[in-house]
Amino acid sequence: MQNQTNTTAQPAHVELSTLSHEEVYTAAKKHMADFRDQSLDLSDRIAAHDTAKPFIAEWNKRLEEAKAAPTPTPTPETMNKLYTITATDSNGATEELYCSYDRSDCVYEKDAEKEQWKQQGYKAIKIASRQTEEAPSPEVYDAATTGELKPQIEKVMKTTTDKLTGDISPAVHNITKDDEGQIIVNFEDEDAAHIIAGNIPCSTYDELESNLAALGYAPTDSDGATWILEAIDNRQA
């Protein structure tokens, strides 16, 4: 993957069809992350958004091609949940605007693009899901999910710790995913994990749960400096 940096930095000089699925997905997510980075100048964020567009289009094209390819009759054991952003166009037809195996991708894509989609005449923009036999790439989705969650979790934690007394660092050391699909969040500060145990005012904890739910996760346990989060859809299954 040594040439991946050049791929994402100079998309105009790269034939997207020659890139691997992982390279396309990673490039799209990187540039969209830059677009959402409020610390960057507006011109840089707009440039990042424009740079991301061809990668997103290529990724969606590959997903559509995978869906159109002939497949064996699916069984419940081989089905996977694919999240989609759907909307009603000006003619009243339902259109799929974006799709991902990771619900948080759709949440942030909807937040980033909703106003633009409305300007294009789309209404009733919402996140839905459907079953597909096409399996997500663990190398792509696990790495992307844990990598993107780190700043998001730190932001949620900072919102919480700002309301508390004491000096609790919101910094996350790393995030991994276990064999059961649970998200393991390891904090730099052991006191941070104790917040999940509910050792804070009820209103602050409710806000914490709400902010985590917006990311698509719910807290299940804490151990030392570690949070254990589970996808909300898995809890409802």
Protein backbone atom coordinates (compact mmCIF):
# COMPACT_ATOMS: atom_id res chain seq x y z
CA MET A 1 0.00 0.00 0.00
CA GLN A 2 3.01 2.33 -0.34
CA ASN A 3 1.50 4.09 -3.33
CA GLN A 4 -1.81 4.71 -1.59
CA THR A 5 -0.74 8.16 -0.37
CA ASN A 6 -0.02 9.27 -3.92
CA THR A 7 -3.33 7.78 -5.01
CA THR A 8 -5.38 9.78 -2.55
CA ALA A 9 -3.33 12.95 -2.89
CA GLN A 10 -3.43 13.10 -6.69
CA PRO A 11 -6.76 11.60 -7.81
CA ALA A 12 -6.72 13.53 -11.08
CA HIS A 13 -3.71 11.50 -12.28
CA VAL A 14 -5.08 8.09 -11.28
CA GLU A 15 -7.30 5.75 -13.29
CA LEU A 16 -9.81 4.78 -10.62
CA SER A 17 -10.63 1.46 -12.26
CA THR A 18 -7.06 0.31 -11.58
CA LEU A 19 -7.37 0.82 -7.83
CA SER A 20 -8.30 -1.89 -5.35
CA HIS A 21 -11.58 -1.73 -3.45
CA GLU A 22 -9.65 -0.82 -0.31
CA GLU A 23 -7.81 2.04 -2.01
CA VAL A 24 -11.03 3.52 -3.42
CA TYR A 25 -12.89 3.21 -0.13
CA THR A 26 -10.01 4.59 1.96
CA ALA A 27 -9.52 7.56 -0.37
CA ALA A 28 -13.22 8.44 -0.30
CA LYS A 29 -13.34 8.29 3.49
CA LYS A 30 -10.13 10.30 3.89
CA HIS A 31 -11.30 13.19 1.75
CA MET A 32 -14.78 13.20 3.32
CA ALA A 33 -13.13 13.34 6.74
CA ASP A 34 -11.18 16.40 5.57
CA PHE A 35 -14.42 17.91 4.28
CA ARG A 36 -16.01 17.53 7.73
CA ASP A 37 -12.95 18.89 9.56
CA GLN A 38 -14.13 22.24 10.95
CA SER A 39 -10.53 23.29 11.65
CA LEU A 40 -9.74 23.52 7.94
CA ASP A 41 -10.37 26.57 5.78
CA LEU A 42 -13.65 26.50 3.89
CA SER A 43 -11.81 26.45 0.54
CA ASP A 44 -9.81 23.40 1.65
CA ARG A 45 -12.96 21.63 2.83
CA ILE A 46 -14.72 22.32 -0.48
CA ALA A 47 -11.66 21.06 -2.36
CA ALA A 48 -11.64 17.89 -0.24
CA HIS A 49 -15.33 17.36 -0.97
CA ASP A 50 -14.76 17.75 -4.71
CA THR A 51 -11.81 15.37 -4.54
CA ALA A 52 -13.90 12.75 -2.71
CA LYS A 53 -16.70 12.75 -5.30
CA PRO A 54 -15.05 10.57 -7.99
CA PHE A 55 -13.94 8.03 -5.37
CA ILE A 56 -17.46 7.87 -3.90
CA ALA A 57 -18.92 7.50 -7.39
CA GLU A 58 -16.45 4.69 -8.17
CA TRP A 59 -17.24 2.93 -4.88
CA ASN A 60 -21.00 3.13 -5.49
CA LYS A 61 -20.50 1.88 -9.06
CA ARG A 62 -18.62 -1.16 -7.79
CA LEU A 63 -21.33 -1.90 -5.25
CA GLU A 64 -23.96 -1.67 -7.99
CA GLU A 65 -21.93 -3.98 -10.22
CA ALA A 66 -21.59 -6.45 -7.37
CA LYS A 67 -25.34 -6.34 -6.78
CA ALA A 68 -26.04 -6.90 -10.49
CA ALA A 69 -23.68 -9.86 -10.80
CA PRO A 70 -25.37 -13.28 -10.85
CA THR A 71 -25.20 -14.99 -7.48
CA PRO A 72 -26.37 -18.30 -6.05
CA THR A 73 -29.69 -18.40 -4.27
CA PRO A 74 -28.97 -16.69 -0.93
CA THR A 75 -29.59 -18.29 2.42
CA PRO A 76 -30.03 -16.49 5.76
CA GLU A 77 -26.51 -17.51 6.77
CA THR A 78 -24.95 -15.81 3.74
CA MET A 79 -26.93 -12.53 3.88
CA ASN A 80 -25.42 -9.24 5.05
CA LYS A 81 -27.11 -5.98 5.96
CA LEU A 82 -26.41 -3.11 3.57
CA TYR A 83 -27.38 0.39 4.75
CA THR A 84 -28.68 2.86 2.19
CA ILE A 85 -29.67 6.50 2.00
CA THR A 86 -32.89 6.74 0.02
CA ALA A 87 -34.90 9.76 -1.07
CA THR A 88 -37.87 10.71 -3.22
CA ASP A 89 -37.00 12.64 -6.37
CA SER A 90 -39.06 15.38 -8.02
CA ASN A 91 -41.04 12.75 -9.96
CA GLY A 92 -41.99 10.89 -6.80
CA ALA A 93 -39.68 7.95 -7.49
CA THR A 94 -37.50 6.48 -4.75
CA GLU A 95 -33.79 6.72 -5.44
CA GLU A 96 -30.79 5.28 -3.60
CA LEU A 97 -28.22 8.04 -3.02
CA TYR A 98 -25.56 6.20 -1.04
CA CYS A 99 -24.90 2.79 0.47
CA SER A 100 -22.47 1.22 2.93
CA TYR A 101 -22.23 -1.82 5.16
CA ASP A 102 -21.42 0.54 8.05
CA ARG A 103 -24.43 2.51 9.28
CA SER A 104 -22.21 5.30 10.65
CA ASP A 105 -21.01 5.94 7.08
CA CYS A 106 -24.60 6.65 6.06
CA VAL A 107 -25.21 8.82 9.12
CA TYR A 108 -22.30 11.11 8.32
CA GLU A 109 -22.91 11.08 4.56
CA LYS A 110 -26.51 12.13 5.19
CA ASP A 111 -25.42 14.94 7.53
CA ALA A 112 -22.83 16.16 5.04
CA GLU A 113 -24.94 15.99 1.88
CA LYS A 114 -28.53 16.50 3.07
CA GLU A 115 -28.78 20.20 2.25
CA GLN A 116 -27.25 19.71 -1.19
CA TRP A 117 -29.63 16.83 -1.91
CA LYS A 118 -32.57 19.01 -0.88
CA GLN A 119 -31.39 21.72 -3.27
CA GLN A 120 -31.40 19.07 -6.00
CA GLY A 121 -35.07 18.42 -5.28
CA TYR A 122 -34.87 15.29 -3.14
CA LYS A 123 -37.31 14.82 -0.28
CA ALA A 124 -37.90 12.26 2.47
CA ILE A 125 -34.18 11.57 2.79
CA LYS A 126 -33.68 8.68 5.19
CA ILE A 127 -31.46 5.78 6.11
CA ALA A 128 -32.82 2.32 5.36
CA SER A 129 -31.34 -1.15 5.10
CA ARG A 130 -31.71 -4.28 3.04
CA GLN A 131 -30.19 -7.74 2.97
CA THR A 132 -27.57 -8.65 0.38
CA GLU A 133 -25.43 -11.70 -0.21
CA GLU A 134 -22.46 -9.53 -1.14
CA ALA A 135 -20.13 -9.53 1.87
CA PRO A 136 -18.19 -6.47 3.03
CA SER A 137 -14.42 -6.62 3.04
CA PRO A 138 -13.25 -6.98 6.66
CA GLU A 139 -9.94 -5.35 5.77
CA VAL A 140 -11.77 -2.28 4.52
CA TYR A 141 -14.71 -1.95 6.86
CA ASP A 142 -13.12 -2.96 10.15
CA ALA A 143 -10.16 -0.66 9.63
CA ALA A 144 -12.32 2.20 8.38
CA THR A 145 -14.82 1.85 11.23
CA THR A 146 -12.26 1.80 14.02
CA GLY A 147 -10.16 4.53 12.40
CA GLU A 148 -13.09 6.92 11.95
CA LEU A 149 -14.54 6.21 15.37
CA LYS A 150 -11.46 7.46 17.22
CA PRO A 151 -12.05 11.23 16.70
CA GLN A 152 -15.80 10.74 17.02
CA ILE A 153 -15.51 8.95 20.38
CA GLU A 154 -13.03 11.56 21.60
CA LYS A 155 -15.51 14.30 20.67
CA VAL A 156 -18.32 12.53 22.54
CA MET A 157 -16.06 12.03 25.55
CA LYS A 158 -14.92 15.67 25.56
CA THR A 159 -18.56 16.84 25.48
CA THR A 160 -19.12 14.69 28.56
CA THR A 161 -15.96 15.51 30.51
CA ASP A 162 -16.46 19.24 29.96
CA LYS A 163 -19.56 18.94 32.18
CA LEU A 164 -17.69 17.15 34.98
CA THR A 165 -15.30 18.27 37.67
CA GLY A 166 -11.76 16.98 37.63
CA ASP A 167 -9.21 16.61 34.88
CA ILE A 168 -10.28 13.62 32.76
CA SER A 169 -8.59 13.27 29.39
CA PRO A 170 -10.89 12.34 26.48
CA ALA A 171 -7.94 10.97 24.47
CA VAL A 172 -8.40 7.52 22.95
CA HIS A 173 -5.33 5.26 22.80
CA ASN A 174 -6.76 2.89 20.19
CA ILE A 175 -9.95 1.20 19.00
CA THR A 176 -10.30 -2.42 17.91
CA LYS A 177 -13.12 -4.78 17.01
CA ASP A 178 -13.46 -8.21 18.60
CA ASP A 179 -14.68 -11.45 17.00
CA GLU A 180 -18.26 -10.70 18.04
CA GLY A 181 -18.23 -7.32 16.33
CA GLN A 182 -18.06 -5.31 19.54
CA ILE A 183 -16.03 -2.11 19.54
CA ILE A 184 -13.25 -2.00 22.15
CA VAL A 185 -12.24 1.57 23.05
CA ASN A 186 -9.03 1.96 25.05
CA PHE A 187 -8.60 5.38 26.67
CA GLU A 188 -5.41 7.06 27.78
CA ASP A 189 -7.09 7.99 31.08
CA GLU A 190 -8.49 5.14 33.20
CA ASP A 191 -11.02 7.52 34.77
CA ALA A 192 -12.59 8.01 31.35
CA ALA A 193 -13.86 4.43 31.20
CA HIS A 194 -15.51 4.77 34.60
CA ILE A 195 -18.01 7.17 33.04
CA ILE A 196 -19.69 4.26 31.25
CA ALA A 197 -20.38 2.72 34.66
CA GLY A 198 -22.73 5.64 35.29
CA ASN A 199 -20.62 7.43 37.90
CA ILE A 200 -21.89 10.78 36.62
CA PRO A 201 -25.15 12.77 36.86
CA CYS A 202 -28.07 11.06 35.12
CA SER A 203 -28.63 13.92 32.69
CA THR A 204 -24.98 13.85 31.60
CA TYR A 205 -25.06 10.07 31.17
CA ASP A 206 -28.28 10.29 29.13
CA GLU A 207 -26.60 12.82 26.84
CA LEU A 208 -23.56 10.52 26.53
CA GLU A 209 -25.79 7.59 25.54
CA SER A 210 -27.62 9.78 23.04
CA ASN A 211 -24.36 10.95 21.45
CA LEU A 212 -23.08 7.37 21.20
CA ALA A 213 -26.42 6.28 19.71
CA ALA A 214 -25.98 8.93 17.02
CA LEU A 215 -22.82 7.05 16.04
CA GLY A 216 -24.79 3.80 15.96
CA TYR A 217 -23.44 2.30 19.20
CA ALA A 218 -24.51 1.64 22.77
CA PRO A 219 -22.27 1.10 25.81
CA THR A 220 -22.34 -2.38 27.28
CA ASP A 221 -19.48 -2.51 29.78
CA SER A 222 -16.24 -0.95 30.99
CA ASP A 223 -13.06 -2.48 32.34
CA GLY A 224 -10.16 -0.36 33.53
CA ALA A 225 -9.52 2.21 30.82
CA THR A 226 -11.65 0.34 28.28
CA TRP A 227 -15.14 0.87 26.92
CA ILE A 228 -17.05 -1.93 25.22
CA LEU A 229 -19.60 -0.72 22.66
CA GLU A 230 -22.08 -2.71 20.63
CA ALA A 231 -23.81 -1.75 17.39
CA ILE A 232 -27.39 -0.77 18.15
CA ASP A 233 -28.68 -2.94 15.31
CA ASN A 234 -26.98 -5.99 16.87
CA ARG A 235 -28.70 -5.31 20.20
CA GLN A 236 -32.09 -5.12 18.50
CA ALA A 237 -31.58 -8.26 16.45
